[in-house]
PDB file of all heavy atoms in Angstrom:
ATOM      1  N   ARG A   1       6.951  15.755 -12.556  1.00  0.00           N
ATOM      2  CA  ARG A   1       7.199  17.023 -11.870  1.00  0.00           C
ATOM      3  C   ARG A   1       7.521  18.123 -12.872  1.00  0.00           C
ATOM      4  O   ARG A   1       8.347  17.946 -13.755  1.00  0.00           O
ATOM      5  CB  ARG A   1       8.373  16.876 -10.907  1.00  0.00           C
ATOM      6  CG  ARG A   1       8.014  16.481  -9.512  1.00  0.00           C
ATOM      7  CD  ARG A   1       9.255  16.318  -8.675  1.00  0.00           C
ATOM      8  NE  ARG A   1       8.956  16.257  -7.256  1.00  0.00           N
ATOM      9  CZ  ARG A   1       9.812  15.862  -6.332  1.00  0.00           C
ATOM     10  NH1 ARG A   1      11.030  15.484  -6.689  1.00  0.00           N
ATOM     11  NH2 ARG A   1       9.469  15.836  -5.066  1.00  0.00           N
ATOM     12  N   GLY A   2       6.869  19.263 -12.691  1.00  0.00           N
ATOM     13  CA  GLY A   2       7.104  20.380 -13.583  1.00  0.00           C
ATOM     14  C   GLY A   2       6.303  20.316 -14.860  1.00  0.00           C
ATOM     15  O   GLY A   2       6.238  21.301 -15.605  1.00  0.00           O
ATOM     16  N   HIS A   3       5.685  19.171 -15.134  1.00  0.00           N
ATOM     17  CA  HIS A   3       4.899  18.997 -16.352  1.00  0.00           C
ATOM     18  C   HIS A   3       3.405  18.873 -16.068  1.00  0.00           C
ATOM     19  O   HIS A   3       2.595  18.893 -17.001  1.00  0.00           O
ATOM     20  CB  HIS A   3       5.369  17.747 -17.104  1.00  0.00           C
ATOM     21  CG  HIS A   3       6.815  17.788 -17.476  1.00  0.00           C
ATOM     22  ND1 HIS A   3       7.315  18.625 -18.461  1.00  0.00           N
ATOM     23  CD2 HIS A   3       7.889  17.113 -16.983  1.00  0.00           C
ATOM     24  CE1 HIS A   3       8.612  18.448 -18.574  1.00  0.00           C
ATOM     25  NE2 HIS A   3       8.995  17.544 -17.687  1.00  0.00           N
ATOM     26  N   VAL A   4       3.048  18.730 -14.793  1.00  0.00           N
ATOM     27  CA  VAL A   4       1.645  18.687 -14.370  1.00  0.00           C
ATOM     28  C   VAL A   4       1.532  19.456 -13.060  1.00  0.00           C
ATOM     29  O   VAL A   4       2.537  19.799 -12.432  1.00  0.00           O
ATOM     30  CB  VAL A   4       1.131  17.238 -14.163  1.00  0.00           C
ATOM     31  CG1 VAL A   4       1.233  16.434 -15.450  1.00  0.00           C
ATOM     32  CG2 VAL A   4       1.880  16.542 -13.028  1.00  0.00           C
ATOM     33  N   ARG A   5       0.297  19.721 -12.643  1.00  0.00           N
ATOM     34  CA  ARG A   5       0.050  20.327 -11.342  1.00  0.00           C
ATOM     35  C   ARG A   5      -0.736  19.353 -10.471  1.00  0.00           C
ATOM     36  O   ARG A   5      -1.662  18.691 -10.954  1.00  0.00           O
ATOM     37  CB  ARG A   5      -0.723  21.646 -11.482  1.00  0.00           C
ATOM     38  CG  ARG A   5      -0.015  22.698 -12.297  1.00  0.00           C
ATOM     39  CD  ARG A   5      -0.713  24.059 -12.199  1.00  0.00           C
ATOM     40  NE  ARG A   5      -0.533  24.669 -10.878  1.00  0.00           N
ATOM     41  CZ  ARG A   5      -0.962  25.904 -10.569  1.00  0.00           C
ATOM     42  NH1 ARG A   5      -1.622  26.625 -11.474  1.00  0.00           N
ATOM     43  NH2 ARG A   5      -0.760  26.400  -9.354  1.00  0.00           N
ATOM     44  N   LEU A   6      -0.356  19.265  -9.218  1.00  0.00           N
ATOM     45  CA  LEU A   6      -1.090  18.434  -8.269  1.00  0.00           C
ATOM     46  C   LEU A   6      -2.411  19.106  -7.924  1.00  0.00           C
ATOM     47  O   LEU A   6      -2.454  20.303  -7.621  1.00  0.00           O
ATOM     48  CB  LEU A   6      -0.274  18.239  -6.994  1.00  0.00           C
ATOM     49  CG  LEU A   6       1.017  17.422  -7.112  1.00  0.00           C
ATOM     50  CD1 LEU A   6       1.796  17.494  -5.789  1.00  0.00           C
ATOM     51  CD2 LEU A   6       0.716  15.974  -7.461  1.00  0.00           C
ATOM     52  N   VAL A   7      -3.481  18.336  -7.965  1.00  0.00           N
ATOM     53  CA  VAL A   7      -4.801  18.869  -7.612  1.00  0.00           C
ATOM     54  C   VAL A   7      -5.146  18.456  -6.180  1.00  0.00           C
ATOM     55  O   VAL A   7      -5.265  19.288  -5.290  1.00  0.00           O
ATOM     56  CB  VAL A   7      -5.878  18.384  -8.598  1.00  0.00           C
ATOM     57  CG1 VAL A   7      -7.250  18.942  -8.193  1.00  0.00           C
ATOM     58  CG2 VAL A   7      -5.534  18.814 -10.023  1.00  0.00           C
ATOM     59  N   ALA A   8      -5.325  17.176  -5.947  1.00  0.00           N
ATOM     60  CA  ALA A   8      -5.651  16.673  -4.615  1.00  0.00           C
ATOM     61  C   ALA A   8      -5.426  15.164  -4.600  1.00  0.00           C
ATOM     62  O   ALA A   8      -5.368  14.515  -5.647  1.00  0.00           O
ATOM     63  CB  ALA A   8      -7.082  17.016  -4.229  1.00  0.00           C
ATOM     64  N   THR A   9      -5.318  14.618  -3.401  1.00  0.00           N
ATOM     65  CA  THR A   9      -5.089  13.183  -3.224  1.00  0.00           C
ATOM     66  C   THR A   9      -6.263  12.574  -2.477  1.00  0.00           C
ATOM     67  O   THR A   9      -6.615  13.051  -1.390  1.00  0.00           O
ATOM     68  CB  THR A   9      -3.790  12.937  -2.453  1.00  0.00           C
ATOM     69  OG1 THR A   9      -2.688  13.503  -3.190  1.00  0.00           O
ATOM     70  CG2 THR A   9      -3.544  11.452  -2.247  1.00  0.00           C
ATOM     71  N   PRO A  10      -6.882  11.533  -3.024  1.00  0.00           N
ATOM     72  CA  PRO A  10      -8.019  10.924  -2.334  1.00  0.00           C
ATOM     73  C   PRO A  10      -7.599  10.168  -1.083  1.00  0.00           C
ATOM     74  O   PRO A  10      -6.508   9.595  -1.026  1.00  0.00           O
ATOM     75  CB  PRO A  10      -8.599   9.963  -3.390  1.00  0.00           C
ATOM     76  CG  PRO A  10      -7.476   9.702  -4.329  1.00  0.00           C
ATOM     77  CD  PRO A  10      -6.616  10.919  -4.328  1.00  0.00           C
ATOM     78  N   GLU A  11      -8.462  10.192  -0.091  1.00  0.00           N
ATOM     79  CA  GLU A  11      -8.292   9.388   1.114  1.00  0.00           C
ATOM     80  C   GLU A  11      -9.314   8.257   1.075  1.00  0.00           C
ATOM     81  O   GLU A  11     -10.489   8.488   0.791  1.00  0.00           O
ATOM     82  CB  GLU A  11      -8.506  10.224   2.375  1.00  0.00           C
ATOM     83  CG  GLU A  11      -7.502  11.343   2.547  1.00  0.00           C
ATOM     84  CD  GLU A  11      -7.673  12.066   3.875  1.00  0.00           C
ATOM     85  OE1 GLU A  11      -8.384  11.526   4.760  1.00  0.00           O
ATOM     86  OE2 GLU A  11      -7.107  13.155   4.036  1.00  0.00           O
ATOM     87  N   TYR A  12      -8.855   7.043   1.359  1.00  0.00           N
ATOM     88  CA  TYR A  12      -9.723   5.877   1.274  1.00  0.00           C
ATOM     89  C   TYR A  12      -9.938   5.245   2.638  1.00  0.00           C
ATOM     90  O   TYR A  12      -9.093   5.350   3.541  1.00  0.00           O
ATOM     91  CB  TYR A  12      -9.124   4.843   0.315  1.00  0.00           C
ATOM     92  CG  TYR A  12      -9.111   5.299  -1.123  1.00  0.00           C
ATOM     93  CD1 TYR A  12      -7.977   5.941  -1.650  1.00  0.00           C
ATOM     94  CD2 TYR A  12     -10.207   5.110  -1.953  1.00  0.00           C
ATOM     95  CE1 TYR A  12      -7.949   6.362  -2.974  1.00  0.00           C
ATOM     96  CE2 TYR A  12     -10.188   5.527  -3.270  1.00  0.00           C
ATOM     97  CZ  TYR A  12      -9.061   6.153  -3.776  1.00  0.00           C
ATOM     98  OH  TYR A  12      -9.048   6.574  -5.088  1.00  0.00           O
ATOM     99  N   ASP A  13     -11.055   4.589   2.778  1.00  0.00           N
ATOM    100  CA  ASP A  13     -11.447   3.968   4.036  1.00  0.00           C
ATOM    101  C   ASP A  13     -11.171   2.470   3.990  1.00  0.00           C
ATOM    102  O   ASP A  13     -12.091   1.647   4.070  1.00  0.00           O
ATOM    103  CB  ASP A  13     -12.934   4.234   4.297  1.00  0.00           C
ATOM    104  CG  ASP A  13     -13.347   3.872   5.713  1.00  0.00           C
ATOM    105  OD1 ASP A  13     -12.466   3.791   6.581  1.00  0.00           O
ATOM    106  OD2 ASP A  13     -14.558   3.660   5.946  1.00  0.00           O
ATOM    107  N   TYR A  14      -9.889   2.124   3.845  1.00  0.00           N
ATOM    108  CA  TYR A  14      -9.487   0.725   3.772  1.00  0.00           C
ATOM    109  C   TYR A  14      -8.348   0.468   4.761  1.00  0.00           C
ATOM    110  O   TYR A  14      -7.561   1.377   5.064  1.00  0.00           O
ATOM    111  CB  TYR A  14      -8.999   0.368   2.365  1.00  0.00           C
ATOM    112  CG  TYR A  14     -10.088   0.098   1.359  1.00  0.00           C
ATOM    113  CD1 TYR A  14     -10.113   0.759   0.129  1.00  0.00           C
ATOM    114  CD2 TYR A  14     -11.090  -0.834   1.619  1.00  0.00           C
ATOM    115  CE1 TYR A  14     -11.109   0.501  -0.803  1.00  0.00           C
ATOM    116  CE2 TYR A  14     -12.091  -1.097   0.688  1.00  0.00           C
ATOM    117  CZ  TYR A  14     -12.093  -0.422  -0.522  1.00  0.00           C
ATOM    118  OH  TYR A  14     -13.086  -0.687  -1.430  1.00  0.00           O
ATOM    119  N   PRO A  15      -8.234  -0.773   5.255  1.00  0.00           N
ATOM    120  CA  PRO A  15      -7.061  -1.113   6.065  1.00  0.00           C
ATOM    121  C   PRO A  15      -5.780  -0.797   5.301  1.00  0.00           C
ATOM    122  O   PRO A  15      -5.681  -1.053   4.100  1.00  0.00           O
ATOM    123  CB  PRO A  15      -7.214  -2.626   6.278  1.00  0.00           C
ATOM    124  CG  PRO A  15      -8.681  -2.875   6.181  1.00  0.00           C
ATOM    125  CD  PRO A  15      -9.175  -1.916   5.128  1.00  0.00           C
ATOM    126  N   GLY A  16      -4.815  -0.220   5.991  1.00  0.00           N
ATOM    127  CA  GLY A  16      -3.571   0.177   5.344  1.00  0.00           C
ATOM    128  C   GLY A  16      -3.515   1.645   4.991  1.00  0.00           C
ATOM    129  O   GLY A  16      -2.453   2.156   4.634  1.00  0.00           O
ATOM    130  N   CYS A  17      -4.664   2.337   5.095  1.00  0.00           N
ATOM    131  CA  CYS A  17      -4.732   3.762   4.762  1.00  0.00           C
ATOM    132  C   CYS A  17      -4.799   4.599   6.037  1.00  0.00           C
ATOM    133  O   CYS A  17      -5.538   4.264   6.969  1.00  0.00           O
ATOM    134  CB  CYS A  17      -5.965   4.064   3.914  1.00  0.00           C
ATOM    135  SG  CYS A  17      -5.988   3.253   2.312  1.00  0.00           S
ATOM    136  N   VAL A  18      -4.036   5.680   6.065  1.00  0.00           N
ATOM    137  CA  VAL A  18      -4.102   6.667   7.138  1.00  0.00           C
ATOM    138  C   VAL A  18      -4.126   8.040   6.482  1.00  0.00           C
ATOM    139  O   VAL A  18      -3.098   8.512   5.979  1.00  0.00           O
ATOM    140  CB  VAL A  18      -2.903   6.553   8.104  1.00  0.00           C
ATOM    141  CG1 VAL A  18      -2.989   7.644   9.169  1.00  0.00           C
ATOM    142  CG2 VAL A  18      -2.861   5.185   8.755  1.00  0.00           C
ATOM    143  N   GLY A  19      -5.278   8.663   6.458  1.00  0.00           N
ATOM    144  CA  GLY A  19      -5.401   9.919   5.730  1.00  0.00           C
ATOM    145  C   GLY A  19      -5.044   9.704   4.265  1.00  0.00           C
ATOM    146  O   GLY A  19      -5.481   8.721   3.654  1.00  0.00           O
ATOM    147  N   PRO A  20      -4.218  10.572   3.681  1.00  0.00           N
ATOM    148  CA  PRO A  20      -3.831  10.398   2.278  1.00  0.00           C
ATOM    149  C   PRO A  20      -2.672   9.421   2.081  1.00  0.00           C
ATOM    150  O   PRO A  20      -2.205   9.229   0.962  1.00  0.00           O
ATOM    151  CB  PRO A  20      -3.412  11.803   1.856  1.00  0.00           C
ATOM    152  CG  PRO A  20      -2.871  12.403   3.122  1.00  0.00           C
ATOM    153  CD  PRO A  20      -3.715  11.842   4.242  1.00  0.00           C
ATOM    154  N   LEU A  21      -2.208   8.808   3.157  1.00  0.00           N
ATOM    155  CA  LEU A  21      -1.107   7.845   3.071  1.00  0.00           C
ATOM    156  C   LEU A  21      -1.650   6.427   2.959  1.00  0.00           C
ATOM    157  O   LEU A  21      -2.738   6.117   3.443  1.00  0.00           O
ATOM    158  CB  LEU A  21      -0.204   7.941   4.309  1.00  0.00           C
ATOM    159  CG  LEU A  21       0.365   9.320   4.652  1.00  0.00           C
ATOM    160  CD1 LEU A  21       1.241   9.230   5.888  1.00  0.00           C
ATOM    161  CD2 LEU A  21       1.146   9.903   3.474  1.00  0.00           C
ATOM    162  N   LYS A  22      -0.877   5.571   2.320  1.00  0.00           N
ATOM    163  CA  LYS A  22      -1.293   4.183   2.173  1.00  0.00           C
ATOM    164  C   LYS A  22      -0.052   3.289   2.103  1.00  0.00           C
ATOM    165  O   LYS A  22       1.046   3.749   1.792  1.00  0.00           O
ATOM    166  CB  LYS A  22      -2.140   3.983   0.915  1.00  0.00           C
ATOM    167  CG  LYS A  22      -1.387   4.195  -0.396  1.00  0.00           C
ATOM    168  CD  LYS A  22      -2.299   4.010  -1.584  1.00  0.00           C
ATOM    169  CE  LYS A  22      -1.544   4.166  -2.900  1.00  0.00           C
ATOM    170  NZ  LYS A  22      -0.593   3.083  -3.156  1.00  0.00           N
ATOM    171  N   CYS A  23      -0.257   2.012   2.386  1.00  0.00           N
ATOM    172  CA  CYS A  23       0.818   1.040   2.293  1.00  0.00           C
ATOM    173  C   CYS A  23       0.458  -0.005   1.246  1.00  0.00           C
ATOM    174  O   CYS A  23      -0.573   0.087   0.574  1.00  0.00           O
ATOM    175  CB  CYS A  23       1.059   0.372   3.637  1.00  0.00           C
ATOM    176  SG  CYS A  23      -0.254  -0.779   4.129  1.00  0.00           S
ATOM    177  N   SER A  24       1.306  -0.994   1.125  1.00  0.00           N
ATOM    178  CA  SER A  24       1.010  -2.171   0.312  1.00  0.00           C
ATOM    179  C   SER A  24       1.081  -3.395   1.204  1.00  0.00           C
ATOM    180  O   SER A  24       1.780  -3.399   2.214  1.00  0.00           O
ATOM    181  CB  SER A  24       2.003  -2.303  -0.847  1.00  0.00           C
ATOM    182  OG  SER A  24       1.859  -1.246  -1.763  1.00  0.00           O
ATOM    183  N   PHE A  25       0.358  -4.434   0.810  1.00  0.00           N
ATOM    184  CA  PHE A  25       0.376  -5.694   1.532  1.00  0.00           C
ATOM    185  C   PHE A  25       1.273  -6.683   0.793  1.00  0.00           C
ATOM    186  O   PHE A  25       1.120  -6.873  -0.422  1.00  0.00           O
ATOM    187  CB  PHE A  25      -1.030  -6.271   1.654  1.00  0.00           C
ATOM    188  CG  PHE A  25      -1.967  -5.441   2.486  1.00  0.00           C
ATOM    189  CD1 PHE A  25      -3.292  -5.276   2.118  1.00  0.00           C
ATOM    190  CD2 PHE A  25      -1.526  -4.815   3.646  1.00  0.00           C
ATOM    191  CE1 PHE A  25      -4.157  -4.517   2.884  1.00  0.00           C
ATOM    192  CE2 PHE A  25      -2.384  -4.043   4.416  1.00  0.00           C
ATOM    193  CZ  PHE A  25      -3.709  -3.898   4.037  1.00  0.00           C
ATOM    194  N   VAL A  26       2.183  -7.299   1.512  1.00  0.00           N
ATOM    195  CA  VAL A  26       3.057  -8.311   0.932  1.00  0.00           C
ATOM    196  C   VAL A  26       2.332  -9.655   1.053  1.00  0.00           C
ATOM    197  O   VAL A  26       2.028 -10.109   2.162  1.00  0.00           O
ATOM    198  CB  VAL A  26       4.408  -8.359   1.655  1.00  0.00           C
ATOM    199  CG1 VAL A  26       5.287  -9.466   1.078  1.00  0.00           C
ATOM    200  CG2 VAL A  26       5.107  -7.007   1.543  1.00  0.00           C
ATOM    201  N   VAL A  27       2.049 -10.263  -0.091  1.00  0.00           N
ATOM    202  CA  VAL A  27       1.264 -11.502  -0.105  1.00  0.00           C
ATOM    203  C   VAL A  27       2.113 -12.660  -0.620  1.00  0.00           C
ATOM    204  O   VAL A  27       2.995 -12.488  -1.463  1.00  0.00           O
ATOM    205  CB  VAL A  27      -0.007 -11.365  -0.971  1.00  0.00           C
ATOM    206  CG1 VAL A  27      -0.886 -10.248  -0.445  1.00  0.00           C
ATOM    207  CG2 VAL A  27       0.337 -11.120  -2.434  1.00  0.00           C
ATOM    208  N   VAL A  28       1.809 -13.841  -0.096  1.00  0.00           N
ATOM    209  CA  VAL A  28       2.477 -15.082  -0.497  1.00  0.00           C
ATOM    210  C   VAL A  28       1.399 -16.135  -0.719  1.00  0.00           C
ATOM    211  O   VAL A  28       0.244 -15.953  -0.319  1.00  0.00           O
ATOM    212  CB  VAL A  28       3.464 -15.562   0.592  1.00  0.00           C
ATOM    213  CG1 VAL A  28       4.570 -14.537   0.813  1.00  0.00           C
ATOM    214  CG2 VAL A  28       2.736 -15.859   1.902  1.00  0.00           C
ATOM    215  N   PRO A  29       1.729 -17.270  -1.349  1.00  0.00           N
ATOM    216  CA  PRO A  29       0.733 -18.333  -1.509  1.00  0.00           C
ATOM    217  C   PRO A  29       0.191 -18.780  -0.156  1.00  0.00           C
ATOM    218  O   PRO A  29       0.937 -18.900   0.825  1.00  0.00           O
ATOM    219  CB  PRO A  29       1.524 -19.452  -2.199  1.00  0.00           C
ATOM    220  CG  PRO A  29       2.617 -18.751  -2.932  1.00  0.00           C
ATOM    221  CD  PRO A  29       3.001 -17.609  -2.040  1.00  0.00           C
ATOM    222  N   LYS A  30      -1.099 -19.013  -0.102  1.00  0.00           N
ATOM    223  CA  LYS A  30      -1.773 -19.319   1.160  1.00  0.00           C
ATOM    224  C   LYS A  30      -1.161 -20.515   1.872  1.00  0.00           C
ATOM    225  O   LYS A  30      -1.018 -20.521   3.101  1.00  0.00           O
ATOM    226  CB  LYS A  30      -3.254 -19.572   0.891  1.00  0.00           C
ATOM    227  CG  LYS A  30      -4.109 -19.676   2.137  1.00  0.00           C
ATOM    228  CD  LYS A  30      -5.582 -19.745   1.779  1.00  0.00           C
ATOM    229  CE  LYS A  30      -6.451 -19.746   3.021  1.00  0.00           C
ATOM    230  NZ  LYS A  30      -7.906 -19.772   2.658  1.00  0.00           N
ATOM    231  N   GLU A  31      -0.790 -21.535   1.135  1.00  0.00           N
ATOM    232  CA  GLU A  31      -0.270 -22.764   1.744  1.00  0.00           C
ATOM    233  C   GLU A  31       1.254 -22.832   1.741  1.00  0.00           C
ATOM    234  O   GLU A  31       1.827 -23.886   1.977  1.00  0.00           O
ATOM    235  CB  GLU A  31      -0.836 -23.989   1.002  1.00  0.00           C
ATOM    236  CG  GLU A  31      -2.352 -24.043   0.942  1.00  0.00           C
ATOM    237  CD  GLU A  31      -2.986 -24.057   2.326  1.00  0.00           C
ATOM    238  OE1 GLU A  31      -2.358 -24.609   3.260  1.00  0.00           O
ATOM    239  OE2 GLU A  31      -4.098 -23.507   2.482  1.00  0.00           O
ATOM    240  N   SER A  32       1.911 -21.716   1.515  1.00  0.00           N
ATOM    241  CA  SER A  32       3.373 -21.722   1.441  1.00  0.00           C
ATOM    242  C   SER A  32       3.996 -21.750   2.828  1.00  0.00           C
ATOM    243  O   SER A  32       3.326 -21.542   3.847  1.00  0.00           O
ATOM    244  CB  SER A  32       3.866 -20.491   0.672  1.00  0.00           C
ATOM    245  OG  SER A  32       3.623 -19.315   1.435  1.00  0.00           O
ATOM    246  N   ARG A  33       5.298 -21.938   2.860  1.00  0.00           N
ATOM    247  CA  ARG A  33       6.044 -21.991   4.121  1.00  0.00           C
ATOM    248  C   ARG A  33       6.408 -20.602   4.628  1.00  0.00           C
ATOM    249  O   ARG A  33       6.865 -20.441   5.765  1.00  0.00           O
ATOM    250  CB  ARG A  33       7.338 -22.786   3.924  1.00  0.00           C
ATOM    251  CG  ARG A  33       8.286 -22.146   2.913  1.00  0.00           C
ATOM    252  CD  ARG A  33       9.614 -22.878   2.807  1.00  0.00           C
ATOM    253  NE  ARG A  33      10.473 -22.280   1.807  1.00  0.00           N
ATOM    254  CZ  ARG A  33      11.233 -21.211   2.018  1.00  0.00           C
ATOM    255  NH1 ARG A  33      11.231 -20.616   3.203  1.00  0.00           N
ATOM    256  NH2 ARG A  33      11.998 -20.731   1.047  1.00  0.00           N
ATOM    257  N   PHE A  34       6.242 -19.566   3.803  1.00  0.00           N
ATOM    258  CA  PHE A  34       6.720 -18.226   4.143  1.00  0.00           C
ATOM    259  C   PHE A  34       5.911 -17.624   5.293  1.00  0.00           C
ATOM    260  O   PHE A  34       4.683 -17.556   5.238  1.00  0.00           O
ATOM    261  CB  PHE A  34       6.643 -17.305   2.919  1.00  0.00           C
ATOM    262  CG  PHE A  34       7.356 -17.837   1.710  1.00  0.00           C
ATOM    263  CD1 PHE A  34       6.651 -18.142   0.550  1.00  0.00           C
ATOM    264  CD2 PHE A  34       8.730 -18.037   1.728  1.00  0.00           C
ATOM    265  CE1 PHE A  34       7.304 -18.635  -0.566  1.00  0.00           C
ATOM    266  CE2 PHE A  34       9.396 -18.532   0.619  1.00  0.00           C
ATOM    267  CZ  PHE A  34       8.678 -18.838  -0.535  1.00  0.00           C
ATOM    268  N   GLN A  35       6.629 -17.183   6.324  1.00  0.00           N
ATOM    269  CA  GLN A  35       5.980 -16.560   7.474  1.00  0.00           C
ATOM    270  C   GLN A  35       6.512 -15.151   7.750  1.00  0.00           C
ATOM    271  O   GLN A  35       5.787 -14.309   8.267  1.00  0.00           O
ATOM    272  CB  GLN A  35       6.188 -17.421   8.727  1.00  0.00           C
ATOM    273  CG  GLN A  35       5.609 -18.823   8.623  1.00  0.00           C
ATOM    274  CD  GLN A  35       4.095 -18.828   8.501  1.00  0.00           C
ATOM    275  OE1 GLN A  35       3.419 -17.936   9.038  1.00  0.00           O
ATOM    276  NE2 GLN A  35       3.548 -19.819   7.807  1.00  0.00           N
ATOM    277  N   THR A  36       7.758 -14.910   7.417  1.00  0.00           N
ATOM    278  CA  THR A  36       8.397 -13.622   7.675  1.00  0.00           C
ATOM    279  C   THR A  36       9.102 -13.150   6.407  1.00  0.00           C
ATOM    280  O   THR A  36       9.311 -13.914   5.461  1.00  0.00           O
ATOM    281  CB  THR A  36       9.429 -13.719   8.805  1.00  0.00           C
ATOM    282  OG1 THR A  36      10.525 -14.542   8.368  1.00  0.00           O
ATOM    283  CG2 THR A  36       8.801 -14.331  10.057  1.00  0.00           C
ATOM    284  N   LEU A  37       9.530 -11.886   6.429  1.00  0.00           N
ATOM    285  CA  LEU A  37      10.290 -11.358   5.294  1.00  0.00           C
ATOM    286  C   LEU A  37      11.577 -12.143   5.084  1.00  0.00           C
ATOM    287  O   LEU A  37      11.965 -12.421   3.942  1.00  0.00           O
ATOM    288  CB  LEU A  37      10.622  -9.882   5.518  1.00  0.00           C
ATOM    289  CG  LEU A  37       9.485  -8.876   5.395  1.00  0.00           C
ATOM    290  CD1 LEU A  37       9.984  -7.479   5.714  1.00  0.00           C
ATOM    291  CD2 LEU A  37       8.878  -8.923   3.994  1.00  0.00           C
ATOM    292  N   ALA A  38      12.227 -12.515   6.169  1.00  0.00           N
ATOM    293  CA  ALA A  38      13.481 -13.253   6.051  1.00  0.00           C
ATOM    294  C   ALA A  38      13.286 -14.570   5.303  1.00  0.00           C
ATOM    295  O   ALA A  38      14.186 -15.033   4.593  1.00  0.00           O
ATOM    296  CB  ALA A  38      14.070 -13.510   7.429  1.00  0.00           C
ATOM    297  N   ASP A  39      12.112 -15.163   5.442  1.00  0.00           N
ATOM    298  CA  ASP A  39      11.824 -16.424   4.756  1.00  0.00           C
ATOM    299  C   ASP A  39      11.807 -16.262   3.239  1.00  0.00           C
ATOM    300  O   ASP A  39      11.909 -17.249   2.497  1.00  0.00           O
ATOM    301  CB  ASP A  39      10.459 -16.981   5.188  1.00  0.00           C
ATOM    302  CG  ASP A  39      10.436 -17.406   6.641  1.00  0.00           C
ATOM    303  OD1 ASP A  39      11.515 -17.671   7.203  1.00  0.00           O
ATOM    304  OD2 ASP A  39       9.335 -17.458   7.215  1.00  0.00           O
TER     305      ASP A  39
END
């Protein structure tokens, strides 16, 4: 901040994206016991 200028933010056509907003996917080993965040 203050050292660069914002130009624009790309929007992507992927699950997890809404306009210029995006999330991350929480991944675990496929065969693990984890089902929820609490786990």
